[in-house]
Amino acid sequence: MFSIMGGVFSALMSVWFILFPPLLFFLFKILWLLHVNGHFGGGLKWVLLEIIPPRDIEASPLPMESIYTALAGVIKSPTTAEEYIKGEFPTSFSFELASIEGQTHMYVRTQAGFRNLVEAHFYAQYPNVEIVEVEDYVNLVPKTIPNKDWDLWGVDFKLFKPDLYPIKSYKNFEETITGKMVDPLAGLIETMGKLGPGQHLWLQFIITPISEKWYSTGKETVDEFLGRVKEKKQGMLARIFADIWDIFSNIGKGMFGGEVVFTAGAKPEKKEEQPLEFRLSPGEKDVLKALQNNLAKQQYKIRMRHLYIGRREVFSKTTGVSSFIGGIKQFNDQNLNSMVPNDDSKTYANFVFVEERLRFRQRRLFRRYIGRDSDPQSSRFLFSSEELATIFHIPDMGVLAPSLTRVSAKRSGAPSNLPLQDLE
């Protein structure tokens, strides 16, 4: 046995310079990108802006959709050198709703270089809004949670169906009789206003606009819904093996007088289909319309994250978790799509080392939230500008929750005929 192991080791030592580099390349690539991305991200300066809504606003989320579309102007395709040497990564924004002991605030976290871009488009759509730079509200709680005084529950969300299937849009929150829109954020803001001292409830949307190249991928979802499945082309080896299989499978049939059938290269007969409008049910037509409408919108990669933090003596999952998740469900549509908790990120643990594993998951999620970390990248999903405007927009005056911070006075410009004193 030792002789065989020595022979294998000797052989490996003879070819290590051929065998190991390909195997280690992918590991090196991951570690290198983590290093250069961390170096690049460490040099960025961020600001947290509080968006204070005006008291007399009466508008649908449509202006907010225009803001999201405008933010897509930051899209940049880095070169290979910029990506692998400088460590550049796509620009992201973080839109956040935070209830601080019952007082609800709206925030946008952006790179300092894009602050003017954010403010300009907010003021363009909401002239009376107030935008101020503030200290990060995550500093109001300890840096390490859970601990002996504080507890935490949190989860990342995911979509139940493929990305192109939209959630219930703000256009579906209109009353059929009066035509008046019921603000979809009203339920969430009311829930967040029910918190008391020592309780915090945070909702975070880290958005990264993506280029129009995604259109072809989204079109495949529409084609799949319509049953337009593209035939996969067989390679040369596949065709050769198919021919050999036909020959051997028909030898026995030919010897005993059976019917010989060659399937290789044969194309299936196409059945005559009725026109599309006759094949789809009314519900399926609505789904198809929603898919095509969503495909036409600007798309964003999303990390949606929820945290409920509170002192142990007042920590209540009934208010901070159950009620809030119920508010999220109002955006779900069983025919279209739903936002559901991602169990891989949920702060729970069962069976073995429960306490240690639970604490690890809680602190990992907390660390990702306060760092505005969008990992894991593999579980991020896509939202269109319309979907984003539905779940995060400036509430209208119909949302009467006293917990929502609003502008105390109306802003207006100076009159054009204001006399100016000569300072000379």
Protein backbone atom coordinates (compact mmCIF):
# COMPACT_ATOMS: atom_id res chain seq x y z
CA MET A 1 0.00 0.00 0.00
CA PHE A 2 2.78 2.41 0.92
CA SER A 3 4.56 1.50 -2.31
CA ILE A 4 1.44 2.33 -4.35
CA MET A 5 0.94 5.62 -2.45
CA GLY A 6 4.57 6.50 -3.08
CA GLY A 7 4.15 5.79 -6.79
CA VAL A 8 1.06 8.00 -6.99
CA PHE A 9 2.80 10.83 -5.12
CA SER A 10 5.83 10.50 -7.42
CA ALA A 11 3.60 10.69 -10.48
CA LEU A 12 1.81 13.78 -9.12
CA MET A 13 5.11 15.49 -8.44
CA SER A 14 6.08 14.87 -12.04
CA VAL A 15 2.99 16.53 -13.54
CA TRP A 16 1.93 19.00 -10.81
CA PHE A 17 2.77 22.00 -12.97
CA ILE A 18 0.28 20.72 -15.58
CA LEU A 19 -2.45 19.41 -13.29
CA PHE A 20 -2.68 21.94 -10.46
CA PRO A 21 -2.90 25.32 -12.28
CA PRO A 22 -6.26 24.57 -14.00
CA LEU A 23 -7.68 23.20 -10.76
CA LEU A 24 -6.56 26.18 -8.69
CA PHE A 25 -7.39 28.84 -11.28
CA PHE A 26 -11.07 29.14 -10.31
CA LEU A 27 -10.24 29.36 -6.61
CA PHE A 28 -7.63 32.03 -7.33
CA LYS A 29 -10.14 33.97 -9.46
CA ILE A 30 -12.70 34.04 -6.61
CA LEU A 31 -10.14 35.11 -4.01
CA TRP A 32 -8.60 37.70 -6.31
CA LEU A 33 -11.97 39.30 -7.11
CA LEU A 34 -12.81 39.43 -3.41
CA HIS A 35 -9.51 41.20 -2.79
CA VAL A 36 -9.72 43.80 -5.58
CA ASN A 37 -13.46 44.40 -5.06
CA GLY A 38 -12.83 45.03 -1.37
CA HIS A 39 -10.01 47.45 -2.20
CA PHE A 40 -12.16 49.30 -4.73
CA GLY A 41 -15.20 49.40 -2.45
CA GLY A 42 -13.12 50.64 0.47
CA GLY A 43 -12.24 53.77 -1.51
CA LEU A 44 -15.86 54.72 -2.18
CA LYS A 45 -17.56 57.41 -0.10
CA TRP A 46 -21.22 56.88 0.76
CA VAL A 47 -23.93 59.22 2.05
CA LEU A 48 -27.29 58.43 3.62
CA LEU A 49 -30.09 60.76 2.54
CA GLU A 50 -33.41 60.95 4.35
CA ILE A 51 -36.40 61.55 2.08
CA ILE A 52 -39.02 63.56 3.98
CA PRO A 53 -42.36 63.53 2.10
CA PRO A 54 -44.50 66.69 1.86
CA ARG A 55 -47.79 66.79 3.74
CA ASP A 56 -50.05 67.63 0.81
CA ILE A 57 -48.76 65.24 -1.85
CA GLU A 58 -51.43 63.53 -3.93
CA ALA A 59 -49.75 61.38 -6.55
CA SER A 60 -49.53 57.76 -7.59
CA PRO A 61 -46.20 55.86 -7.54
CA LEU A 62 -45.75 56.74 -11.23
CA PRO A 63 -43.32 59.64 -10.52
CA MET A 64 -41.22 57.23 -8.46
CA GLU A 65 -41.03 54.93 -11.46
CA SER A 66 -39.52 57.80 -13.45
CA ILE A 67 -36.88 58.25 -10.72
CA TYR A 68 -35.86 54.60 -10.87
CA THR A 69 -35.62 54.74 -14.65
CA ALA A 70 -33.42 57.84 -14.42
CA LEU A 71 -31.06 56.11 -11.96
CA ALA A 72 -30.31 53.55 -14.66
CA GLY A 73 -28.04 56.19 -16.17
CA VAL A 74 -25.25 54.91 -13.89
CA ILE A 75 -25.00 51.66 -15.86
CA LYS A 76 -21.43 51.08 -16.99
CA SER A 77 -19.81 48.04 -18.53
CA PRO A 78 -16.30 47.83 -17.03
CA THR A 79 -13.45 46.62 -19.18
CA THR A 80 -11.54 43.47 -18.30
CA ALA A 81 -8.74 45.56 -16.80
CA GLU A 82 -11.17 47.63 -14.73
CA GLU A 83 -12.94 44.51 -13.46
CA TYR A 84 -9.94 42.31 -12.64
CA ILE A 85 -7.25 44.87 -11.82
CA LYS A 86 -9.09 47.88 -10.37
CA GLY A 87 -11.90 45.72 -8.98
CA GLU A 88 -14.77 47.85 -10.28
CA PHE A 89 -18.28 46.51 -9.75
CA PRO A 90 -21.73 47.80 -10.83
CA THR A 91 -23.14 50.83 -9.05
CA SER A 92 -25.90 50.16 -6.53
CA PHE A 93 -28.35 52.22 -4.50
CA SER A 94 -30.02 51.22 -1.25
CA PHE A 95 -33.63 52.32 -0.65
CA GLU A 96 -34.66 51.74 2.94
CA LEU A 97 -37.72 52.00 5.18
CA ALA A 98 -36.88 52.12 8.87
CA SER A 99 -39.11 52.29 11.92
CA ILE A 100 -37.11 53.62 14.86
CA GLU A 101 -39.19 52.95 17.95
CA GLY A 102 -42.36 53.63 15.98
CA GLN A 103 -41.15 56.62 13.91
CA THR A 104 -40.99 55.67 10.23
CA HIS A 105 -38.32 57.17 7.97
CA MET A 106 -37.40 56.79 4.29
CA TYR A 107 -33.75 56.69 3.24
CA VAL A 108 -31.61 56.44 0.12
CA ARG A 109 -27.98 55.39 0.48
CA THR A 110 -25.84 56.35 -2.50
CA GLN A 111 -22.26 57.00 -3.47
CA ALA A 112 -21.36 60.62 -2.77
CA GLY A 113 -20.62 61.14 -6.46
CA PHE A 114 -24.23 60.32 -7.38
CA ARG A 115 -25.87 62.46 -4.69
CA ASN A 116 -26.71 65.25 -7.13
CA LEU A 117 -28.25 62.71 -9.50
CA VAL A 118 -30.54 61.36 -6.79
CA GLU A 119 -31.56 64.78 -5.46
CA ALA A 120 -32.16 66.25 -8.92
CA HIS A 121 -34.62 63.55 -9.95
CA PHE A 122 -36.44 63.52 -6.60
CA TYR A 123 -36.92 67.28 -6.75
CA ALA A 124 -37.99 67.04 -10.39
CA GLN A 125 -40.81 64.62 -9.55
CA TYR A 126 -41.63 65.84 -6.02
CA PRO A 127 -40.84 69.61 -5.83
CA ASN A 128 -41.90 69.91 -2.18
CA VAL A 129 -39.94 66.95 -0.88
CA GLU A 130 -37.12 67.55 1.59
CA ILE A 131 -33.81 65.68 1.32
CA VAL A 132 -31.23 65.89 4.10
CA GLU A 133 -28.02 64.03 4.81
CA VAL A 134 -28.26 62.17 8.12
CA GLU A 135 -26.24 59.88 10.34
CA ASP A 136 -26.71 56.18 9.72
CA TYR A 137 -29.62 54.91 11.80
CA VAL A 138 -27.98 51.48 12.21
CA ASN A 139 -25.67 53.15 14.74
CA LEU A 140 -28.64 53.46 17.13
CA VAL A 141 -28.26 49.79 18.09
CA PRO A 142 -25.20 47.83 19.27
CA LYS A 143 -22.69 46.66 16.67
CA THR A 144 -23.01 43.04 17.79
CA ILE A 145 -26.48 41.54 17.90
CA PRO A 146 -27.77 39.29 19.40
CA ASN A 147 -26.35 39.83 22.86
CA LYS A 148 -27.64 39.62 26.43
CA ASP A 149 -29.82 42.73 25.97
CA TRP A 150 -30.86 42.65 22.30
CA ASP A 151 -32.42 40.02 20.02
CA LEU A 152 -32.87 39.89 16.25
CA TRP A 153 -34.97 38.21 13.58
CA GLY A 154 -34.37 38.67 9.88
CA VAL A 155 -34.69 37.20 6.41
CA ASP A 156 -33.90 37.86 2.77
CA PHE A 157 -36.75 37.58 0.29
CA LYS A 158 -36.89 35.79 -3.05
CA LEU A 159 -39.41 35.39 -5.88
CA PHE A 160 -41.56 32.28 -6.06
CA LYS A 161 -41.59 32.19 -9.88
CA PRO A 162 -39.09 33.24 -12.59
CA ASP A 163 -37.97 36.87 -12.47
CA LEU A 164 -40.03 38.16 -15.38
CA TYR A 165 -43.34 37.27 -13.70
CA PRO A 166 -44.29 40.54 -11.94
CA ILE A 167 -45.78 41.05 -8.49
CA LYS A 168 -49.03 42.96 -8.05
CA SER A 169 -48.37 46.44 -9.42
CA TYR A 170 -49.64 49.73 -8.00
CA LYS A 171 -51.95 49.86 -11.02
CA ASN A 172 -53.86 46.97 -9.44
CA PHE A 173 -54.54 48.88 -6.21
CA GLU A 174 -57.24 51.11 -7.70
CA GLU A 175 -60.85 50.97 -6.56
CA THR A 176 -63.14 49.75 -9.32
CA ILE A 177 -65.92 52.24 -8.51
CA THR A 178 -64.19 55.52 -7.67
CA GLY A 179 -60.95 54.84 -9.51
CA LYS A 180 -58.99 56.12 -6.51
CA MET A 181 -55.74 54.33 -5.73
CA VAL A 182 -55.29 52.70 -2.34
CA ASP A 183 -51.66 53.29 -1.43
CA PRO A 184 -50.00 49.87 -1.23
CA LEU A 185 -47.51 51.12 1.38
CA ALA A 186 -50.23 52.14 3.85
CA GLY A 187 -50.39 48.71 5.52
CA LEU A 188 -46.62 48.45 5.93
CA ILE A 189 -46.25 51.96 7.35
CA GLU A 190 -49.10 51.37 9.81
CA THR A 191 -47.43 48.15 10.97
CA MET A 192 -44.08 49.87 11.39
CA GLY A 193 -45.76 52.60 13.43
CA LYS A 194 -46.96 50.08 16.02
CA LEU A 195 -43.48 49.55 17.46
CA GLY A 196 -42.62 50.92 20.86
CA PRO A 197 -39.46 51.96 22.73
CA GLY A 198 -36.53 49.61 22.27
CA GLN A 199 -37.84 48.21 18.95
CA HIS A 200 -36.55 48.72 15.39
CA LEU A 201 -37.92 47.38 12.11
CA TRP A 202 -35.89 47.82 8.93
CA LEU A 203 -36.62 47.02 5.27
CA GLN A 204 -33.85 47.31 2.69
CA PHE A 205 -33.81 47.22 -1.12
CA ILE A 206 -30.32 47.18 -2.66
CA ILE A 207 -30.89 47.84 -6.37
CA THR A 208 -28.44 47.55 -9.25
CA PRO A 209 -29.68 48.64 -12.69
CA ILE A 210 -28.76 46.23 -15.46
CA SER A 211 -28.29 46.73 -19.19
CA GLU A 212 -30.75 45.93 -21.96
CA LYS A 213 -28.85 42.70 -22.71
CA TRP A 214 -31.22 40.98 -20.30
CA TYR A 215 -34.07 41.40 -22.81
CA SER A 216 -33.17 38.21 -24.70
CA THR A 217 -33.21 36.20 -21.45
CA GLY A 218 -36.59 37.64 -20.48
CA LYS A 219 -37.94 36.91 -23.97
CA GLU A 220 -37.20 33.24 -23.38
CA THR A 221 -39.61 33.29 -20.43
CA VAL A 222 -42.37 34.65 -22.69
CA ASP A 223 -41.62 32.05 -25.35
CA GLU A 224 -41.71 29.30 -22.73
CA PHE A 225 -45.10 30.52 -21.51
CA LEU A 226 -46.39 30.41 -25.08
CA GLY A 227 -44.95 26.95 -25.68
CA ARG A 228 -42.43 28.18 -28.23
CA VAL A 229 -39.67 25.83 -27.13
CA LYS A 230 -36.68 26.00 -29.45
CA GLU A 231 -35.37 22.69 -30.73
CA LYS A 232 -31.90 21.92 -29.47
CA LYS A 233 -29.40 21.27 -32.23
CA GLN A 234 -27.55 17.98 -31.98
CA GLY A 235 -23.79 17.98 -32.19
CA MET A 236 -21.81 15.77 -34.53
CA LEU A 237 -21.09 13.11 -31.88
CA ALA A 238 -24.74 13.03 -30.82
CA ARG A 239 -25.87 12.45 -34.40
CA ILE A 240 -23.30 9.67 -34.88
CA PHE A 241 -24.43 7.86 -31.71
CA ALA A 242 -28.07 8.30 -32.75
CA ASP A 243 -27.33 6.65 -36.12
CA ILE A 244 -25.49 3.76 -34.46
CA TRP A 245 -28.39 3.27 -32.01
CA ASP A 246 -30.87 3.19 -34.92
CA ILE A 247 -28.86 0.50 -36.67
CA PHE A 248 -28.51 -1.81 -33.68
CA SER A 249 -32.08 -1.27 -32.47
CA ASN A 250 -33.48 -2.24 -35.90
CA ILE A 251 -31.31 -5.35 -36.47
CA GLY A 252 -33.57 -7.53 -34.34
CA LYS A 253 -36.73 -6.10 -35.84
CA GLY A 254 -35.46 -6.78 -39.37
CA MET A 255 -34.46 -10.39 -38.59
CA PHE A 256 -37.95 -11.24 -37.29
CA GLY A 257 -39.87 -9.34 -39.93
CA GLY A 258 -40.72 -6.34 -37.79
CA GLU A 259 -41.12 -2.80 -39.04
CA VAL A 260 -37.83 -0.95 -39.31
CA VAL A 261 -38.02 2.66 -38.11
CA PHE A 262 -35.17 5.14 -38.31
CA THR A 263 -35.59 8.11 -35.97
CA ALA A 264 -32.20 9.80 -36.33
CA GLY A 265 -32.54 13.05 -38.21
CA ALA A 266 -36.31 12.71 -38.45
CA LYS A 267 -38.25 15.86 -37.63
CA PRO A 268 -41.45 15.53 -35.60
CA GLU A 269 -44.64 16.36 -37.42
CA LYS A 270 -45.98 19.74 -36.51
CA LYS A 271 -49.58 19.74 -35.35
CA GLU A 272 -51.88 22.43 -36.58
CA GLU A 273 -52.58 24.85 -33.76
CA GLN A 274 -55.40 27.27 -33.28
CA PRO A 275 -54.62 31.01 -33.20
CA LEU A 276 -53.16 32.23 -29.93
CA GLU A 277 -56.27 34.16 -28.90
CA PHE A 278 -58.31 30.94 -28.95
CA ARG A 279 -55.76 28.81 -27.07
CA LEU A 280 -55.30 31.06 -24.04
CA SER A 281 -57.85 31.41 -21.27
CA PRO A 282 -58.78 34.92 -20.04
CA GLY A 283 -56.45 34.48 -17.04
CA GLU A 284 -53.58 33.34 -19.26
CA LYS A 285 -54.08 36.37 -21.49
CA ASP A 286 -53.72 38.63 -18.46
CA VAL A 287 -50.50 36.83 -17.47
CA LEU A 288 -49.10 37.16 -21.00
CA LYS A 289 -49.91 40.89 -21.03
CA ALA A 290 -48.21 41.33 -17.65
CA LEU A 291 -45.10 39.46 -18.84
CA GLN A 292 -44.78 41.55 -21.99
CA ASN A 293 -45.41 44.78 -20.08
CA ASN A 294 -42.74 43.86 -17.53
CA LEU A 295 -40.28 42.94 -20.28
CA ALA A 296 -40.53 46.48 -21.67
CA LYS A 297 -39.42 48.09 -18.37
CA GLN A 298 -35.95 48.87 -17.04
CA GLN A 299 -34.77 45.94 -14.90
CA TYR A 300 -32.81 45.93 -11.63
CA LYS A 301 -31.06 43.26 -9.61
CA ILE A 302 -32.56 43.31 -6.13
CA ARG A 303 -31.57 42.28 -2.64
CA MET A 304 -34.63 42.63 -0.39
CA ARG A 305 -33.84 42.24 3.31
CA HIS A 306 -35.95 42.60 6.48
CA LEU A 307 -34.66 42.92 10.06
CA TYR A 308 -36.56 43.21 13.32
CA ILE A 309 -34.38 44.21 16.29
CA GLY A 310 -35.50 44.80 19.84
CA ARG A 311 -34.58 44.66 23.48
CA ARG A 312 -35.31 41.23 24.89
CA GLU A 313 -37.93 42.51 27.36
CA VAL A 314 -40.06 44.02 24.51
CA PHE A 315 -39.08 41.72 21.61
CA SER A 316 -42.32 40.51 19.94
CA LYS A 317 -42.38 38.49 16.72
CA THR A 318 -46.14 39.05 16.48
CA THR A 319 -45.60 42.72 15.62
CA GLY A 320 -42.13 42.74 14.10
CA VAL A 321 -42.41 39.59 12.02
CA SER A 322 -45.91 38.16 11.52
CA SER A 323 -47.68 41.50 10.95
CA PHE A 324 -44.92 42.75 8.68
CA ILE A 325 -44.79 39.59 6.54
CA GLY A 326 -48.56 39.89 6.23
CA GLY A 327 -48.11 43.41 4.87
CA ILE A 328 -45.66 42.10 2.26
CA LYS A 329 -48.18 39.48 1.10
CA GLN A 330 -50.52 42.19 -0.23
CA PHE A 331 -48.12 42.57 -3.17
CA ASN A 332 -48.37 38.87 -4.07
CA ASP A 333 -50.49 37.52 -6.92
CA GLN A 334 -50.89 33.76 -7.27
CA ASN A 335 -51.36 34.05 -11.04
CA LEU A 336 -48.23 36.18 -11.42
CA ASN A 337 -45.53 36.20 -8.72
CA SER A 338 -44.96 36.35 -4.98
CA MET A 339 -42.25 37.58 -2.63
CA VAL A 340 -41.50 34.80 -0.15
CA PRO A 341 -38.92 34.43 2.64
CA ASN A 342 -35.70 32.69 1.62
CA ASP A 343 -35.18 29.86 4.11
CA ASP A 344 -31.44 29.83 3.43
CA SER A 345 -31.15 33.27 5.04
CA LYS A 346 -33.86 33.05 7.69
CA THR A 347 -32.56 33.35 11.26
CA TYR A 348 -33.51 29.95 12.64
CA ALA A 349 -31.75 26.67 13.40
CA ASN A 350 -32.88 23.15 14.28
CA PHE A 351 -31.51 19.87 15.64
CA VAL A 352 -27.77 20.17 16.44
CA PHE A 353 -25.82 23.15 17.86
CA VAL A 354 -29.02 25.17 17.66
CA GLU A 355 -27.89 28.12 19.76
CA GLU A 356 -24.49 28.49 18.05
CA ARG A 357 -25.88 28.15 14.52
CA LEU A 358 -28.73 30.55 15.24
CA ARG A 359 -26.35 33.18 16.59
CA PHE A 360 -24.10 32.78 13.54
CA ARG A 361 -27.03 33.27 11.10
CA GLN A 362 -28.33 36.28 13.03
CA ARG A 363 -24.99 38.05 13.11
CA ARG A 364 -24.27 37.25 9.47
CA LEU A 365 -27.56 38.79 8.34
CA PHE A 366 -27.10 41.79 10.63
CA ARG A 367 -23.57 42.34 9.30
CA ARG A 368 -24.83 42.19 5.71
CA TYR A 369 -27.58 44.68 6.42
CA ILE A 370 -25.46 47.36 8.08
CA GLY A 371 -22.77 46.92 5.41
CA ARG A 372 -25.40 47.10 2.60
CA ASP A 373 -23.96 43.83 1.33
CA SER A 374 -25.94 42.27 -1.52
CA ASP A 375 -24.48 38.78 -1.05
CA PRO A 376 -25.23 36.05 -1.82
CA GLN A 377 -25.34 37.14 -5.46
CA SER A 378 -26.84 33.85 -6.63
CA SER A 379 -30.15 34.47 -4.82
CA ARG A 380 -30.75 38.06 -5.96
CA PHE A 381 -33.80 38.52 -8.16
CA LEU A 382 -34.98 41.02 -10.76
CA PHE A 383 -37.56 43.78 -10.42
CA SER A 384 -38.74 46.25 -13.03
CA SER A 385 -39.04 49.98 -12.40
CA GLU A 386 -42.81 49.55 -12.01
CA GLU A 387 -42.41 46.85 -9.36
CA LEU A 388 -39.87 48.95 -7.48
CA ALA A 389 -42.19 51.95 -7.56
CA THR A 390 -44.90 49.76 -6.08
CA ILE A 391 -42.95 48.61 -3.03
CA PHE A 392 -40.96 51.82 -2.36
CA HIS A 393 -42.43 55.22 -3.18
CA ILE A 394 -43.35 58.43 -1.42
CA PRO A 395 -46.78 57.82 0.20
CA ASP A 396 -49.57 60.20 -0.70
CA MET A 397 -51.56 62.30 1.76
CA GLY A 398 -54.07 59.46 2.13
CA VAL A 399 -51.59 57.61 4.34
CA LEU A 400 -52.50 59.22 7.65
CA ALA A 401 -50.08 57.24 9.83
CA PRO A 402 -48.78 59.72 12.44
CA SER A 403 -45.54 57.72 12.64
CA LEU A 404 -44.47 58.78 9.12
CA THR A 405 -42.13 61.78 9.20
CA ARG A 406 -43.30 64.54 6.82
CA VAL A 407 -42.17 68.05 5.89
CA SER A 408 -43.47 70.50 8.48
CA ALA A 409 -43.88 73.42 6.06
CA LYS A 410 -44.39 73.80 2.34
CA ARG A 411 -41.38 74.84 0.28
CA SER A 412 -41.72 77.57 -2.35
CA GLY A 413 -39.44 79.76 -4.40
CA ALA A 414 -38.84 83.44 -3.78
CA PRO A 415 -41.15 85.88 -5.68
CA SER A 416 -39.67 87.29 -8.89
CA ASN A 417 -40.36 90.90 -7.88
CA LEU A 418 -38.55 90.69 -4.54
CA PRO A 419 -36.58 93.97 -4.07
CA LEU A 420 -32.86 93.43 -3.58
CA GLN A 421 -30.78 95.88 -1.55
CA ASP A 422 -27.74 97.28 -3.27
CA LEU A 423 -24.78 96.08 -1.23
CA GLU A 424 -22.25 98.48 -2.72
